[in-house]
Protein backbone atom coordinates (compact mmCIF):
# COMPACT_ATOMS: atom_id res chain seq x y z
CA MET A 1 75.75 86.11 114.21
CA ARG A 2 75.07 85.24 110.44
CA THR A 3 75.86 89.05 109.50
CA LEU A 4 79.06 88.46 111.71
CA ASN A 5 80.05 85.40 109.51
CA PHE A 6 79.24 86.94 106.01
CA ALA A 7 81.30 90.14 107.73
CA LYS A 8 84.38 87.87 108.34
CA ARG A 9 83.68 86.24 105.14
CA ASN A 10 84.06 89.73 102.97
CA PHE A 11 86.72 91.17 105.19
CA LYS A 12 89.04 88.05 103.85
CA GLU A 13 87.56 88.29 100.34
CA ILE A 14 88.41 91.96 100.28
CA MET A 15 92.30 90.85 101.91
CA ARG A 16 93.00 88.70 98.97
CA ASP A 17 94.07 91.77 97.02
CA PRO A 18 96.26 93.56 99.68
CA LEU A 19 97.82 95.65 96.80
CA SER A 20 94.65 97.63 96.60
CA ILE A 21 94.33 97.63 100.01
CA ILE A 22 97.16 99.13 100.20
CA PHE A 23 97.06 101.40 97.27
CA ALA A 24 93.50 103.18 98.77
CA VAL A 25 95.83 103.84 102.10
CA LEU A 26 98.48 105.26 100.97
CA LEU A 27 97.21 107.02 97.88
CA PRO A 28 95.51 109.92 100.44
CA LEU A 29 98.25 110.10 102.50
CA PHE A 30 100.75 110.55 99.95
CA LEU A 31 98.48 113.65 98.38
CA LEU A 32 98.09 115.10 101.75
CA PHE A 33 102.15 115.05 102.05
CA ILE A 34 102.86 115.97 98.70
CA PHE A 35 100.41 119.14 98.59
CA GLN A 36 102.07 120.12 101.89
CA GLN A 37 105.15 120.47 100.56
CA PHE A 38 104.40 122.72 97.73
CA HIS A 39 103.17 125.44 100.31
CA ILE A 40 100.65 126.88 98.51
CA PRO A 41 99.81 130.51 99.50
CA ASN A 42 96.11 129.96 99.59
CA GLN A 43 93.61 129.37 102.44
CA SER A 44 92.10 125.93 100.94
CA TYR A 45 95.52 124.81 100.96
CA GLU A 46 96.12 125.24 104.68
CA LEU A 47 96.30 121.84 106.42
CA GLN A 48 93.08 122.05 108.50
CA ASN A 49 91.05 122.76 105.13
CA PHE A 50 92.64 120.62 103.12
CA THR A 51 92.64 117.45 105.15
CA PRO A 52 89.09 116.43 105.47
CA GLY A 53 88.85 117.00 101.38
CA ILE A 54 91.57 114.52 101.09
CA LEU A 55 90.04 112.36 103.55
CA VAL A 56 86.68 112.25 102.01
CA PHE A 57 88.20 111.92 98.63
CA GLY A 58 90.11 108.19 99.94
CA PHE A 59 86.57 107.38 101.01
CA SER A 60 85.76 107.05 97.10
CA PHE A 61 88.00 104.01 97.11
CA ILE A 62 85.65 102.51 99.57
CA THR A 63 83.08 102.75 96.80
CA LEU A 64 85.40 100.64 94.60
CA PHE A 65 86.31 98.13 96.79
CA THR A 66 82.53 97.60 97.97
CA GLY A 67 81.18 97.68 94.42
CA MET A 68 83.92 95.40 93.54
CA LEU A 69 82.84 92.59 96.27
CA VAL A 70 79.49 92.71 95.22
CA SER A 71 79.58 92.32 91.83
CA LYS A 72 82.40 89.47 92.51
CA ASP A 73 79.84 87.52 94.71
CA ARG A 74 77.14 87.96 91.79
CA THR A 75 79.27 86.61 89.46
CA THR A 76 80.85 83.58 91.29
CA SER A 77 76.90 82.87 92.17
CA LEU A 78 77.90 83.30 95.98
CA LEU A 79 74.42 84.49 96.72
CA ILE A 80 72.58 82.59 94.65
CA ARG A 81 73.84 79.79 96.94
CA LEU A 82 73.14 82.45 100.37
CA GLY A 83 69.62 82.77 98.79
CA ILE A 84 68.58 79.64 100.54
CA SER A 85 69.86 80.97 103.51
CA PRO A 86 67.61 82.41 105.99
CA MET A 87 69.60 85.65 105.65
CA ARG A 88 67.90 88.70 104.95
CA PRO A 89 68.83 91.27 102.24
CA VAL A 90 69.47 93.92 105.49
CA GLU A 91 72.03 91.12 107.20
CA TYR A 92 73.70 91.32 103.74
CA ILE A 93 74.22 94.69 103.49
CA LEU A 94 75.38 95.11 107.21
CA GLY A 95 77.64 92.30 106.48
CA TYR A 96 79.06 94.40 103.86
CA LEU A 97 79.37 97.06 105.67
CA LEU A 98 80.81 95.67 108.91
CA SER A 99 83.65 94.12 106.43
CA VAL A 100 84.90 97.54 105.27
CA LEU A 101 84.81 99.97 108.51
CA PRO A 102 88.14 98.33 109.87
CA ILE A 103 89.73 99.48 106.45
CA ILE A 104 88.29 102.49 106.84
CA ALA A 105 89.72 102.72 110.27
CA ILE A 106 93.06 102.01 109.38
CA GLN A 107 92.49 104.54 106.86
CA ASN A 108 91.31 107.26 109.12
CA ILE A 109 94.20 106.74 111.88
CA LEU A 110 97.02 106.08 109.54
CA PHE A 111 95.84 109.75 107.80
CA PHE A 112 95.19 111.62 110.80
CA ILE A 113 98.95 110.56 111.82
CA LEU A 114 100.01 111.84 109.13
CA ALA A 115 98.32 115.51 109.37
CA VAL A 116 99.27 116.06 113.31
CA ILE A 117 102.88 114.93 111.87
CA LEU A 118 102.78 117.45 109.45
CA GLY A 119 101.77 119.87 111.67
CA LEU A 120 98.01 119.59 112.44
CA LYS A 121 97.30 120.63 116.13
CA PHE A 122 95.92 117.98 118.13
CA SER A 123 92.75 118.04 119.74
CA ILE A 124 89.79 116.67 121.06
CA ASN A 125 87.92 118.08 117.88
CA LEU A 126 90.44 115.74 115.86
CA ILE A 127 88.85 112.61 117.55
CA PHE A 128 85.27 113.67 116.80
CA ALA A 129 86.59 114.82 113.28
CA MET A 130 87.64 110.96 113.13
CA LEU A 131 84.22 109.91 114.43
CA ALA A 132 82.20 111.47 112.03
CA SER A 133 84.52 110.72 109.00
CA VAL A 134 83.10 107.09 109.73
CA LEU A 135 79.38 108.17 109.67
CA ILE A 136 80.60 109.79 106.14
CA SER A 137 81.98 106.87 104.75
CA LEU A 138 78.33 105.13 104.99
CA LEU A 139 77.68 107.12 101.99
CA PHE A 140 80.00 105.71 100.16
CA ILE A 141 79.76 101.88 101.02
CA ALA A 142 76.12 102.59 100.40
CA VAL A 143 76.94 103.53 96.71
CA GLY A 144 79.39 101.24 96.31
CA ILE A 145 76.69 98.16 96.91
CA ILE A 146 74.51 99.59 94.62
CA ILE A 147 77.05 100.03 91.94
CA GLY A 148 78.07 96.18 92.71
CA SER A 149 74.64 94.69 92.59
CA LEU A 150 73.70 96.48 89.17
CA CYS A 151 76.86 96.14 87.08
CA SER A 152 79.26 93.41 86.78
CA GLU A 153 82.72 92.85 87.92
CA LYS A 154 84.34 94.83 85.27
CA ALA A 155 82.02 97.34 84.96
CA SER A 156 81.49 98.39 88.82
CA SER A 157 85.35 99.33 88.39
CA GLY A 158 84.51 101.85 85.93
CA ILE A 159 81.18 103.53 87.07
CA SER A 160 82.79 103.61 90.52
CA SER A 161 85.66 105.44 89.06
CA ILE A 162 83.35 108.03 88.18
CA ILE A 163 82.55 108.26 91.58
CA VAL A 164 86.18 109.06 92.31
CA GLN A 165 86.07 111.73 89.61
CA LEU A 166 82.94 113.29 91.10
CA VAL A 167 84.54 113.65 94.46
CA CYS A 168 87.61 115.40 93.35
CA PHE A 169 85.84 117.97 91.51
CA THR A 170 82.59 119.01 93.46
CA SER A 171 83.76 118.18 97.08
CA GLY A 172 85.60 121.48 97.08
CA MET A 173 88.90 119.43 97.58
CA TYR A 174 91.19 121.07 95.03
CA PHE A 175 89.35 124.25 94.75
CA PRO A 176 86.65 126.38 95.70
CA LYS A 177 83.56 125.95 94.11
CA GLU A 178 82.59 129.57 93.38
CA ALA A 179 85.92 129.49 91.33
CA LEU A 180 83.88 127.79 88.53
CA GLY A 181 80.95 129.89 88.06
CA LYS A 182 77.46 129.80 90.09
CA VAL A 183 76.05 126.80 88.18
CA PHE A 184 78.55 124.73 89.23
CA ALA A 185 78.41 126.23 92.37
CA THR A 186 74.87 124.64 92.87
CA ILE A 187 75.59 121.31 91.90
CA CYS A 188 78.55 121.12 94.09
CA GLU A 189 75.71 122.46 97.01
CA TRP A 190 73.68 119.70 96.09
CA LEU A 191 75.49 116.39 95.53
CA PRO A 192 76.44 115.34 98.98
CA PHE A 193 80.24 115.58 98.41
CA GLU A 194 80.79 119.15 99.12
CA SER A 195 78.63 118.30 102.18
CA CYS A 196 80.40 115.64 103.17
CA VAL A 197 83.82 117.99 103.22
CA THR A 198 82.28 120.74 105.04
CA ILE A 199 81.06 118.76 108.08
CA ILE A 200 84.37 117.65 108.54
CA LYS A 201 85.74 120.97 108.13
CA GLU A 202 84.03 122.61 110.46
CA ILE A 203 84.21 119.75 113.10
CA LEU A 204 88.00 119.78 113.02
CA ASN A 205 88.06 123.54 113.18
CA ASP A 206 86.17 123.33 116.35
CA ARG A 207 83.28 125.22 114.33
CA SER A 208 80.63 122.80 114.78
CA GLU A 209 77.78 124.96 115.32
CA THR A 210 78.53 126.57 112.04
CA ILE A 211 77.47 123.57 110.19
CA SER A 212 74.48 124.34 108.56
CA ALA A 213 71.17 122.61 108.67
CA ARG A 214 71.44 122.42 104.78
CA ASN A 215 74.51 119.93 104.44
CA ILE A 216 73.37 117.81 107.54
CA ALA A 217 70.23 117.32 105.66
CA VAL A 218 71.62 117.10 102.46
CA PHE A 219 74.24 114.25 103.56
CA SER A 220 71.63 112.52 105.91
CA LEU A 221 69.05 112.55 103.11
CA TYR A 222 71.68 111.18 100.42
CA THR A 223 72.74 108.90 103.09
CA THR A 224 69.21 107.29 103.78
CA VAL A 225 68.23 107.31 99.66
CA PHE A 226 71.27 105.07 99.11
CA PHE A 227 70.92 103.00 101.90
CA VAL A 228 67.20 102.29 101.40
CA LEU A 229 67.79 101.63 97.39
CA ALA A 230 71.10 99.61 98.14
CA ILE A 231 68.52 97.32 100.09
CA VAL A 232 65.99 97.56 97.53
CA VAL A 233 67.95 96.92 94.63
CA PHE A 234 70.32 94.35 96.52
CA ARG A 235 66.89 91.96 97.49
CA GLN A 236 65.59 92.48 93.57
CA LYS A 237 69.01 91.62 92.28
CA MET A 238 69.15 88.42 94.57
CA THR A 239 65.75 87.22 93.51
CA SER A 240 65.98 87.72 89.82
CA ASP A 241 69.48 85.95 89.60
CA ASN A 242 67.81 83.22 92.13
CA LYS A 243 65.34 82.67 89.22
CA ALA A 244 67.80 82.85 86.29
């Protein structure tokens, strides 16, 4: 109950900036629509292959929202006042996570509706891809919590923008990783974003059995490590802020 109440409060805070929410939801839709109008003669830009990259790109803005929400709570000393409550750091993290999930759900639903309108074949795999994308969004929420715990409100937006750029250039969203050489391709393979896109792409194209163990391992490892770091860093910052 404490976690749900905290999540409701966080969701209300997020909704106080509706323009940012609209931007985060509509930008992926706009990019998907525009690129489909170009009719680029490349397999990477076919709807079933390009859709997952745009979807993961949209999740990078979730990092921005989460980071700014956490950093704002630290700036306004809300977390200091809440420090006397019996809530544990894990409950705070879950509260932030639950508050962002409705936005992710709206983003996913609208995004796949547009994709179907543009020609993506509707199938049960689309539903599975939506569910998988929710799991993948947890990685971006964890990163946002870490950024918000370490940075001020202004700095968190700048640091989060780096995540946006990393997703653009290392996820294979705009071009195959091999196009820029072996070194860049290796970097993409060991960062989580290309794995995120590949997992959704394989599910969407009914090739779940071809998802490599490496992609699953990379995504799972990064998500687990970042959530553990989020809990540890958040707890330490709460302790230090309360002492200050």
